Amino acid sequence: MKRIFTSIIFYPVLFLFVLLSYFSHYQSYAEENFKGYVVCIDPGHQGKENTNLEPIGPGSSQTKPSVSSGTRGKLAGTEDAVNLDVGLRLREILTQKGVTVIMTRVTPDVNVPNSERASIANRCKADLCIRLHCDAGAEHNCFTLYPALIKNWTDDIYDKSLKAAGIVQKAYSTYTNIPDKGLIPRSDLSGFNWSDVPVILPEMLHMQNPEDDQKASAPEFRQKMAEGLAIGVFEYLKTASHQKNKS
């Protein structure tokens, strides 16, 4: 009985301590400046899908639709709209701290293939490209995709992408209190295989889960999602091996 009582007290207190530490991290960034860093934000999907096929990587015979339609929630609406709203909120947070932010889109009314989204990040030589998505299904968790190790495609960005994925996933899950499903490598995503810069894809929640759907419909929680991602992005940038000149 004593052991059970100790567990009942210990684990909630431990979780509260970890959560408060992330709130403290977020507040501490108010005094930091990340000038010189470049982040590309890619709000996944768009208002209308593009079913034209494109190679999943340079020279590949395997193809996928240029931009799929995404999923939707009963309350939150379409995934592309949620991704864009969170992306714009994340842009605001990052730019306030001096980060140069490049968006792959700022409206639903675009037609930007996933390979071109990678090219946008490549052209601006982003320190990180973060591709925002929500998953389908009724699970209640979040996870982050990162590029599988593929020679001549992702071998030059693999290590940094994996590092960024781990940092952002942990920060986001802890800050939003969405259960952590971990990291998953993917070899079939053109947005990864065409990339020459570190890239990750957070699946921020599941839109057919009633709790997640409710949360994703609320502007306050979308802001919290952006803040959780920002904490992870800032922590990753601080570990970047090529330190930028900051003022």
C-alpha atoms as a PDB file:
ATOM      1  CA  MET A   1       0.000   0.000   0.000  1.00  0.00           C
ATOM      2  CA  LYS A   2       2.861   2.366   0.827  1.00  0.00           C
ATOM      3  CA  ARG A   3       4.432   1.745  -2.617  1.00  0.00           C
ATOM      4  CA  ILE A   4       1.117   2.423  -4.378  1.00  0.00           C
ATOM      5  CA  PHE A   5       0.613   5.626  -2.399  1.00  0.00           C
ATOM      6  CA  THR A   6       4.138   6.763  -3.226  1.00  0.00           C
ATOM      7  CA  SER A   7       3.520   6.175  -6.932  1.00  0.00           C
ATOM      8  CA  ILE A   8       0.250   8.080  -6.813  1.00  0.00           C
ATOM      9  CA  ILE A   9       2.068  11.081  -5.359  1.00  0.00           C
ATOM     10  CA  PHE A  10       5.415  10.794  -7.149  1.00  0.00           C
ATOM     11  CA  TYR A  11       4.463  10.504 -10.814  1.00  0.00           C
ATOM     12  CA  PRO A  12       1.990  13.421 -10.964  1.00  0.00           C
ATOM     13  CA  VAL A  13       4.509  15.591  -9.123  1.00  0.00           C
ATOM     14  CA  LEU A  14       7.263  14.515 -11.536  1.00  0.00           C
ATOM     15  CA  PHE A  15       5.066  15.293 -14.548  1.00  0.00           C
ATOM     16  CA  LEU A  16       4.180  18.699 -13.095  1.00  0.00           C
ATOM     17  CA  PHE A  17       7.855  19.443 -12.527  1.00  0.00           C
ATOM     18  CA  VAL A  18       8.747  18.538 -16.127  1.00  0.00           C
ATOM     19  CA  LEU A  19       5.825  20.552 -17.500  1.00  0.00           C
ATOM     20  CA  LEU A  20       6.753  23.609 -15.439  1.00  0.00           C
ATOM     21  CA  SER A  21      10.336  23.317 -16.650  1.00  0.00           C
ATOM     22  CA  TYR A  22       9.117  23.593 -20.261  1.00  0.00           C
ATOM     23  CA  PHE A  23       6.960  26.591 -19.404  1.00  0.00           C
ATOM     24  CA  SER A  24      10.101  28.088 -17.869  1.00  0.00           C
ATOM     25  CA  HIS A  25      12.067  27.278 -21.043  1.00  0.00           C
ATOM     26  CA  TYR A  26       9.445  29.045 -23.154  1.00  0.00           C
ATOM     27  CA  GLN A  27       9.519  32.156 -20.976  1.00  0.00           C
ATOM     28  CA  SER A  28      13.332  32.184 -20.949  1.00  0.00           C
ATOM     29  CA  TYR A  29      13.455  32.527 -24.727  1.00  0.00           C
ATOM     30  CA  ALA A  30      11.948  36.004 -24.380  1.00  0.00           C
ATOM     31  CA  GLU A  31      15.443  37.267 -23.569  1.00  0.00           C
ATOM     32  CA  GLU A  32      17.256  35.308 -26.304  1.00  0.00           C
ATOM     33  CA  ASN A  33      17.897  36.260 -29.906  1.00  0.00           C
ATOM     34  CA  PHE A  34      18.190  33.781 -32.746  1.00  0.00           C
ATOM     35  CA  LYS A  35      19.157  36.244 -35.458  1.00  0.00           C
ATOM     36  CA  GLY A  36      21.032  34.536 -38.266  1.00  0.00           C
ATOM     37  CA  TYR A  37      19.045  31.305 -38.178  1.00  0.00           C
ATOM     38  CA  VAL A  38      16.620  30.352 -40.943  1.00  0.00           C
ATOM     39  CA  VAL A  39      13.621  28.075 -40.460  1.00  0.00           C
ATOM     40  CA  CYS A  40      11.297  26.945 -43.239  1.00  0.00           C
ATOM     41  CA  ILE A  41       7.745  26.186 -42.102  1.00  0.00           C
ATOM     42  CA  ASP A  42       5.716  23.957 -44.397  1.00  0.00           C
ATOM     43  CA  PRO A  43       2.027  23.812 -43.398  1.00  0.00           C
ATOM     44  CA  GLY A  44       1.081  20.442 -44.846  1.00  0.00           C
ATOM     45  CA  HIS A  45      -1.443  20.003 -47.673  1.00  0.00           C
ATOM     46  CA  GLN A  46      -3.396  22.880 -49.271  1.00  0.00           C
ATOM     47  CA  GLY A  47      -6.954  23.892 -50.095  1.00  0.00           C
ATOM     48  CA  LYS A  48      -7.213  21.536 -53.078  1.00  0.00           C
ATOM     49  CA  GLU A  49      -5.220  18.347 -53.590  1.00  0.00           C
ATOM     50  CA  ASN A  50      -2.947  17.826 -56.582  1.00  0.00           C
ATOM     51  CA  THR A  51      -3.134  14.240 -57.788  1.00  0.00           C
ATOM     52  CA  ASN A  52      -0.440  14.657 -60.450  1.00  0.00           C
ATOM     53  CA  LEU A  53       2.317  12.171 -59.707  1.00  0.00           C
ATOM     54  CA  GLU A  54       5.890  13.152 -58.879  1.00  0.00           C
ATOM     55  CA  PRO A  55       8.987  11.039 -58.094  1.00  0.00           C
ATOM     56  CA  ILE A  56       9.522  10.437 -54.382  1.00  0.00           C
ATOM     57  CA  GLY A  57      13.172  11.360 -54.844  1.00  0.00           C
ATOM     58  CA  PRO A  58      15.712  12.415 -57.478  1.00  0.00           C
ATOM     59  CA  GLY A  59      15.747   9.887 -60.331  1.00  0.00           C
ATOM     60  CA  SER A  60      13.187   7.606 -58.691  1.00  0.00           C
ATOM     61  CA  SER A  61      10.662   5.559 -60.673  1.00  0.00           C
ATOM     62  CA  GLN A  62       8.397   5.415 -57.613  1.00  0.00           C
ATOM     63  CA  THR A  63       5.840   8.216 -57.582  1.00  0.00           C
ATOM     64  CA  LYS A  64       3.236   9.751 -55.287  1.00  0.00           C
ATOM     65  CA  PRO A  65       0.577  12.459 -55.675  1.00  0.00           C
ATOM     66  CA  SER A  66       2.153  15.911 -55.574  1.00  0.00           C
ATOM     67  CA  VAL A  67      -0.071  17.001 -52.648  1.00  0.00           C
ATOM     68  CA  SER A  68      -2.664  14.749 -50.993  1.00  0.00           C
ATOM     69  CA  SER A  69      -5.946  16.023 -49.575  1.00  0.00           C
ATOM     70  CA  GLY A  70      -5.226  15.477 -45.889  1.00  0.00           C
ATOM     71  CA  THR A  71      -7.763  14.617 -43.211  1.00  0.00           C
ATOM     72  CA  ARG A  72     -10.344  16.582 -41.222  1.00  0.00           C
ATOM     73  CA  GLY A  73     -12.092  16.771 -37.868  1.00  0.00           C
ATOM     74  CA  LYS A  74     -15.782  17.293 -37.155  1.00  0.00           C
ATOM     75  CA  LEU A  75     -15.069  20.423 -35.108  1.00  0.00           C
ATOM     76  CA  ALA A  76     -11.589  21.474 -36.210  1.00  0.00           C
ATOM     77  CA  GLY A  77     -12.324  21.359 -39.940  1.00  0.00           C
ATOM     78  CA  THR A  78      -9.770  20.499 -42.592  1.00  0.00           C
ATOM     79  CA  GLU A  79      -6.230  19.494 -41.751  1.00  0.00           C
ATOM     80  CA  ASP A  80      -4.714  21.964 -44.200  1.00  0.00           C
ATOM     81  CA  ALA A  81      -6.430  24.834 -42.367  1.00  0.00           C
ATOM     82  CA  VAL A  82      -5.236  23.663 -38.936  1.00  0.00           C
ATOM     83  CA  ASN A  83      -1.697  23.179 -40.234  1.00  0.00           C
ATOM     84  CA  LEU A  84      -1.674  26.675 -41.719  1.00  0.00           C
ATOM     85  CA  ASP A  85      -3.044  28.353 -38.605  1.00  0.00           C
ATOM     86  CA  VAL A  86      -0.473  26.662 -36.369  1.00  0.00           C
ATOM     87  CA  GLY A  87       2.252  27.445 -38.912  1.00  0.00           C
ATOM     88  CA  LEU A  88       1.435  31.154 -38.957  1.00  0.00           C
ATOM     89  CA  ARG A  89       1.397  31.226 -35.165  1.00  0.00           C
ATOM     90  CA  LEU A  90       4.764  29.456 -35.102  1.00  0.00           C
ATOM     91  CA  ARG A  91       6.136  31.984 -37.597  1.00  0.00           C
ATOM     92  CA  GLU A  92       5.111  34.826 -35.291  1.00  0.00           C
ATOM     93  CA  ILE A  93       6.856  33.271 -32.297  1.00  0.00           C
ATOM     94  CA  LEU A  94      10.066  32.520 -34.184  1.00  0.00           C
ATOM     95  CA  THR A  95      10.314  35.907 -35.908  1.00  0.00           C
ATOM     96  CA  GLN A  96       9.876  37.689 -32.590  1.00  0.00           C
ATOM     97  CA  LYS A  97      13.112  36.002 -31.484  1.00  0.00           C
ATOM     98  CA  GLY A  98      15.050  36.999 -34.607  1.00  0.00           C
ATOM     99  CA  VAL A  99      14.643  33.834 -36.694  1.00  0.00           C
ATOM    100  CA  THR A 100      14.229  34.370 -40.432  1.00  0.00           C
ATOM    101  CA  VAL A 101      11.141  32.337 -41.343  1.00  0.00           C
ATOM    102  CA  ILE A 102      10.298  31.160 -44.856  1.00  0.00           C
ATOM    103  CA  MET A 103       6.776  29.811 -45.403  1.00  0.00           C
ATOM    104  CA  THR A 104       5.980  27.364 -48.200  1.00  0.00           C
ATOM    105  CA  ARG A 105       2.452  28.766 -48.211  1.00  0.00           C
ATOM    106  CA  VAL A 106       0.436  31.405 -46.334  1.00  0.00           C
ATOM    107  CA  THR A 107      -2.959  30.665 -47.882  1.00  0.00           C
ATOM    108  CA  PRO A 108      -4.970  27.560 -48.822  1.00  0.00           C
ATOM    109  CA  ASP A 109      -5.241  28.768 -52.427  1.00  0.00           C
ATOM    110  CA  VAL A 110      -1.902  27.467 -53.694  1.00  0.00           C
ATOM    111  CA  ASN A 111      -0.563  24.555 -55.714  1.00  0.00           C
ATOM    112  CA  VAL A 112       2.862  23.698 -54.316  1.00  0.00           C
ATOM    113  CA  PRO A 113       4.039  20.085 -54.805  1.00  0.00           C
ATOM    114  CA  ASN A 114       5.872  18.483 -51.917  1.00  0.00           C
ATOM    115  CA  SER A 115       9.113  18.325 -53.925  1.00  0.00           C
ATOM    116  CA  GLU A 116       8.883  22.080 -54.521  1.00  0.00           C
ATOM    117  CA  ARG A 117       8.321  22.661 -50.795  1.00  0.00           C
ATOM    118  CA  ALA A 118      11.621  20.903 -50.193  1.00  0.00           C
ATOM    119  CA  SER A 119      13.225  23.071 -52.860  1.00  0.00           C
ATOM    120  CA  ILE A 120      11.979  26.215 -51.115  1.00  0.00           C
ATOM    121  CA  ALA A 121      13.758  25.122 -47.928  1.00  0.00           C
ATOM    122  CA  ASN A 122      16.865  24.214 -49.937  1.00  0.00           C
ATOM    123  CA  ARG A 123      17.046  27.584 -51.682  1.00  0.00           C
ATOM    124  CA  CYS A 124      16.923  29.510 -48.410  1.00  0.00           C
ATOM    125  CA  LYS A 125      19.498  27.113 -46.864  1.00  0.00           C
ATOM    126  CA  ALA A 126      17.242  26.571 -43.866  1.00  0.00           C
ATOM    127  CA  ASP A 127      18.763  25.394 -40.610  1.00  0.00           C
ATOM    128  CA  LEU A 128      15.576  23.368 -40.233  1.00  0.00           C
ATOM    129  CA  CYS A 129      12.475  22.653 -42.295  1.00  0.00           C
ATOM    130  CA  ILE A 130       9.461  21.734 -40.169  1.00  0.00           C
ATOM    131  CA  ARG A 131       6.511  20.212 -42.012  1.00  0.00           C
ATOM    132  CA  LEU A 132       3.307  20.539 -39.968  1.00  0.00           C
ATOM    133  CA  HIS A 133       0.668  17.821 -40.170  1.00  0.00           C
ATOM    134  CA  CYS A 134      -2.175  16.210 -38.229  1.00  0.00           C
ATOM    135  CA  ASP A 135      -2.834  12.496 -38.545  1.00  0.00           C
ATOM    136  CA  ALA A 136      -6.057  10.650 -39.332  1.00  0.00           C
ATOM    137  CA  GLY A 137      -7.519   8.087 -36.950  1.00  0.00           C
ATOM    138  CA  ALA A 138      -8.798   7.997 -33.381  1.00  0.00           C
ATOM    139  CA  GLU A 139      -5.540   7.476 -31.462  1.00  0.00           C
ATOM    140  CA  HIS A 140      -4.643  10.037 -28.821  1.00  0.00           C
ATOM    141  CA  ASN A 141      -0.959  10.790 -29.260  1.00  0.00           C
ATOM    142  CA  CYS A 142       1.571  12.721 -31.310  1.00  0.00           C
ATOM    143  CA  PHE A 143       4.679  11.579 -33.140  1.00  0.00           C
ATOM    144  CA  THR A 144       7.331  12.952 -35.447  1.00  0.00           C
ATOM    145  CA  LEU A 145       8.474  11.581 -38.793  1.00  0.00           C
ATOM    146  CA  TYR A 146      12.069  11.969 -39.952  1.00  0.00           C
ATOM    147  CA  PRO A 147      13.938  10.890 -43.114  1.00  0.00           C
ATOM    148  CA  ALA A 148      15.068   7.287 -43.325  1.00  0.00           C
ATOM    149  CA  LEU A 149      18.746   6.901 -44.167  1.00  0.00           C
ATOM    150  CA  ILE A 150      18.992   6.621 -47.973  1.00  0.00           C
ATOM    151  CA  LYS A 151      22.304   6.890 -49.792  1.00  0.00           C
ATOM    152  CA  ASN A 152      22.553   9.911 -52.114  1.00  0.00           C
ATOM    153  CA  TRP A 153      19.182  11.232 -50.921  1.00  0.00           C
ATOM    154  CA  THR A 154      19.096  11.756 -47.167  1.00  0.00           C
ATOM    155  CA  ASP A 155      22.478  10.584 -45.923  1.00  0.00           C
ATOM    156  CA  ASP A 156      23.707  14.193 -45.730  1.00  0.00           C
ATOM    157  CA  ILE A 157      20.766  15.374 -43.579  1.00  0.00           C
ATOM    158  CA  TYR A 158      19.968  12.219 -41.623  1.00  0.00           C
ATOM    159  CA  ASP A 159      21.830  12.899 -38.373  1.00  0.00           C
ATOM    160  CA  LYS A 160      20.613  16.471 -37.940  1.00  0.00           C
ATOM    161  CA  SER A 161      17.061  15.549 -38.917  1.00  0.00           C
ATOM    162  CA  LEU A 162      16.949  12.746 -36.352  1.00  0.00           C
ATOM    163  CA  LYS A 163      18.376  15.044 -33.694  1.00  0.00           C
ATOM    164  CA  ALA A 164      15.810  17.754 -34.458  1.00  0.00           C
ATOM    165  CA  ALA A 165      12.977  15.215 -34.485  1.00  0.00           C
ATOM    166  CA  GLY A 166      13.855  13.975 -31.010  1.00  0.00           C
ATOM    167  CA  ILE A 167      14.159  17.454 -29.527  1.00  0.00           C
ATOM    168  CA  VAL A 168      10.974  18.852 -31.075  1.00  0.00           C
ATOM    169  CA  GLN A 169       8.899  15.727 -30.344  1.00  0.00           C
ATOM    170  CA  LYS A 170       9.789  15.728 -26.654  1.00  0.00           C
ATOM    171  CA  ALA A 171       9.204  19.462 -26.243  1.00  0.00           C
ATOM    172  CA  TYR A 172       5.890  19.437 -28.099  1.00  0.00           C
ATOM    173  CA  SER A 173       4.470  16.394 -26.322  1.00  0.00           C
ATOM    174  CA  THR A 174       5.436  17.681 -22.895  1.00  0.00           C
ATOM    175  CA  TYR A 175       4.175  21.219 -23.444  1.00  0.00           C
ATOM    176  CA  THR A 176       0.825  20.216 -24.978  1.00  0.00           C
ATOM    177  CA  ASN A 177       0.328  17.130 -22.772  1.00  0.00           C
ATOM    178  CA  ILE A 178      -0.451  15.024 -25.852  1.00  0.00           C
ATOM    179  CA  PRO A 179       0.960  11.505 -25.282  1.00  0.00           C
ATOM    180  CA  ASP A 180       4.323  10.843 -26.925  1.00  0.00           C
ATOM    181  CA  LYS A 181       4.324   8.053 -29.542  1.00  0.00           C
ATOM    182  CA  GLY A 182       7.937   8.751 -30.455  1.00  0.00           C
ATOM    183  CA  LEU A 183       9.794   8.982 -33.763  1.00  0.00           C
ATOM    184  CA  ILE A 184       9.156   7.156 -37.039  1.00  0.00           C
ATOM    185  CA  PRO A 185      11.533   7.083 -40.066  1.00  0.00           C
ATOM    186  CA  ARG A 186       9.992   7.378 -43.528  1.00  0.00           C
ATOM    187  CA  SER A 187      11.605   6.526 -46.856  1.00  0.00           C
ATOM    188  CA  ASP A 188       8.685   7.365 -49.170  1.00  0.00           C
ATOM    189  CA  LEU A 189       8.092  11.084 -48.571  1.00  0.00           C
ATOM    190  CA  SER A 190       9.167  13.384 -51.399  1.00  0.00           C
ATOM    191  CA  GLY A 191       9.332  16.289 -48.954  1.00  0.00           C
ATOM    192  CA  PHE A 192      12.155  14.380 -47.226  1.00  0.00           C
ATOM    193  CA  ASN A 193      13.943  12.796 -50.152  1.00  0.00           C
ATOM    194  CA  TRP A 194      14.247  16.014 -52.156  1.00  0.00           C
ATOM    195  CA  SER A 195      15.538  17.933 -49.145  1.00  0.00           C
ATOM    196  CA  ASP A 196      19.132  19.111 -48.736  1.00  0.00           C
ATOM    197  CA  VAL A 197      18.487  20.616 -45.280  1.00  0.00           C
ATOM    198  CA  PRO A 198      17.457  18.990 -41.975  1.00  0.00           C
ATOM    199  CA  VAL A 199      13.739  18.254 -42.097  1.00  0.00           C
ATOM    200  CA  ILE A 200      11.100  16.804 -39.759  1.00  0.00           C
ATOM    201  CA  LEU A 201       7.350  16.241 -39.888  1.00  0.00           C
ATOM    202  CA  PRO A 202       5.439  16.464 -36.592  1.00  0.00           C
ATOM    203  CA  GLU A 203       2.060  14.702 -36.626  1.00  0.00           C
ATOM    204  CA  MET A 204       0.636  17.041 -34.021  1.00  0.00           C
ATOM    205  CA  LEU A 205      -2.542  15.123 -33.101  1.00  0.00           C
ATOM    206  CA  HIS A 206      -5.242  12.821 -34.512  1.00  0.00           C
ATOM    207  CA  MET A 207      -8.227  14.600 -35.999  1.00  0.00           C
ATOM    208  CA  GLN A 208     -10.742  11.777 -35.538  1.00  0.00           C
ATOM    209  CA  ASN A 209      -9.967  11.546 -31.832  1.00  0.00           C
ATOM    210  CA  PRO A 210     -12.763  13.514 -30.087  1.00  0.00           C
ATOM    211  CA  GLU A 211     -10.419  15.109 -27.535  1.00  0.00           C
ATOM    212  CA  ASP A 212      -7.853  16.083 -30.155  1.00  0.00           C
ATOM    213  CA  ASP A 213     -10.570  17.346 -32.501  1.00  0.00           C
ATOM    214  CA  GLN A 214     -11.963  19.561 -29.746  1.00  0.00           C
ATOM    215  CA  LYS A 215      -8.524  20.913 -28.921  1.00  0.00           C
ATOM    216  CA  ALA A 216      -7.603  21.554 -32.546  1.00  0.00           C
ATOM    217  CA  SER A 217     -10.775  23.601 -32.982  1.00  0.00           C
ATOM    218  CA  ALA A 218      -9.775  26.064 -30.250  1.00  0.00           C
ATOM    219  CA  PRO A 219      -7.524  29.044 -31.121  1.00  0.00           C
ATOM    220  CA  GLU A 220      -6.040  28.911 -27.613  1.00  0.00           C
ATOM    221  CA  PHE A 221      -4.856  25.342 -28.084  1.00  0.00           C
ATOM    222  CA  ARG A 222      -3.549  26.017 -31.584  1.00  0.00           C
ATOM    223  CA  GLN A 223      -1.420  28.708 -29.972  1.00  0.00           C
ATOM    224  CA  LYS A 224      -0.227  26.176 -27.425  1.00  0.00           C
ATOM    225  CA  MET A 225       0.665  23.782 -30.243  1.00  0.00           C
ATOM    226  CA  ALA A 226       2.754  26.512 -31.873  1.00  0.00           C
ATOM    227  CA  GLU A 227       4.457  27.331 -28.579  1.00  0.00           C
ATOM    228  CA  GLY A 228       5.340  23.683 -27.962  1.00  0.00           C
ATOM    229  CA  LEU A 229       6.862  23.405 -31.427  1.00  0.00           C
ATOM    230  CA  ALA A 230       8.740  26.669 -30.914  1.00  0.00           C
ATOM    231  CA  ILE A 231      10.358  25.401 -27.731  1.00  0.00           C
ATOM    232  CA  GLY A 232      11.680  22.403 -29.633  1.00  0.00           C
ATOM    233  CA  VAL A 233      12.869  24.498 -32.575  1.00  0.00           C
ATOM    234  CA  PHE A 234      14.713  26.912 -30.283  1.00  0.00           C
ATOM    235  CA  GLU A 235      16.350  24.035 -28.405  1.00  0.00           C
ATOM    236  CA  TYR A 236      17.479  22.456 -31.663  1.00  0.00           C
ATOM    237  CA  LEU A 237      18.868  25.721 -33.040  1.00  0.00           C
ATOM    238  CA  LYS A 238      20.899  26.163 -29.872  1.00  0.00           C
ATOM    239  CA  THR A 239      22.582  22.826 -30.527  1.00  0.00           C
ATOM    240  CA  ALA A 240      23.308  23.536 -34.206  1.00  0.00           C
ATOM    241  CA  SER A 241      26.940  22.710 -34.970  1.00  0.00           C
ATOM    242  CA  HIS A 242      27.343  25.782 -37.174  1.00  0.00           C
ATOM    243  CA  GLN A 243      26.626  28.637 -34.782  1.00  0.00           C
ATOM    244  CA  LYS A 244      25.291  31.755 -36.462  1.00  0.00           C
ATOM    245  CA  ASN A 245      26.275  35.295 -35.670  1.00  0.00           C
ATOM    246  CA  LYS A 246      23.679  36.554 -33.227  1.00  0.00           C
ATOM    247  CA  SER A 247      23.261  40.059 -31.869  1.00  0.00           C
END
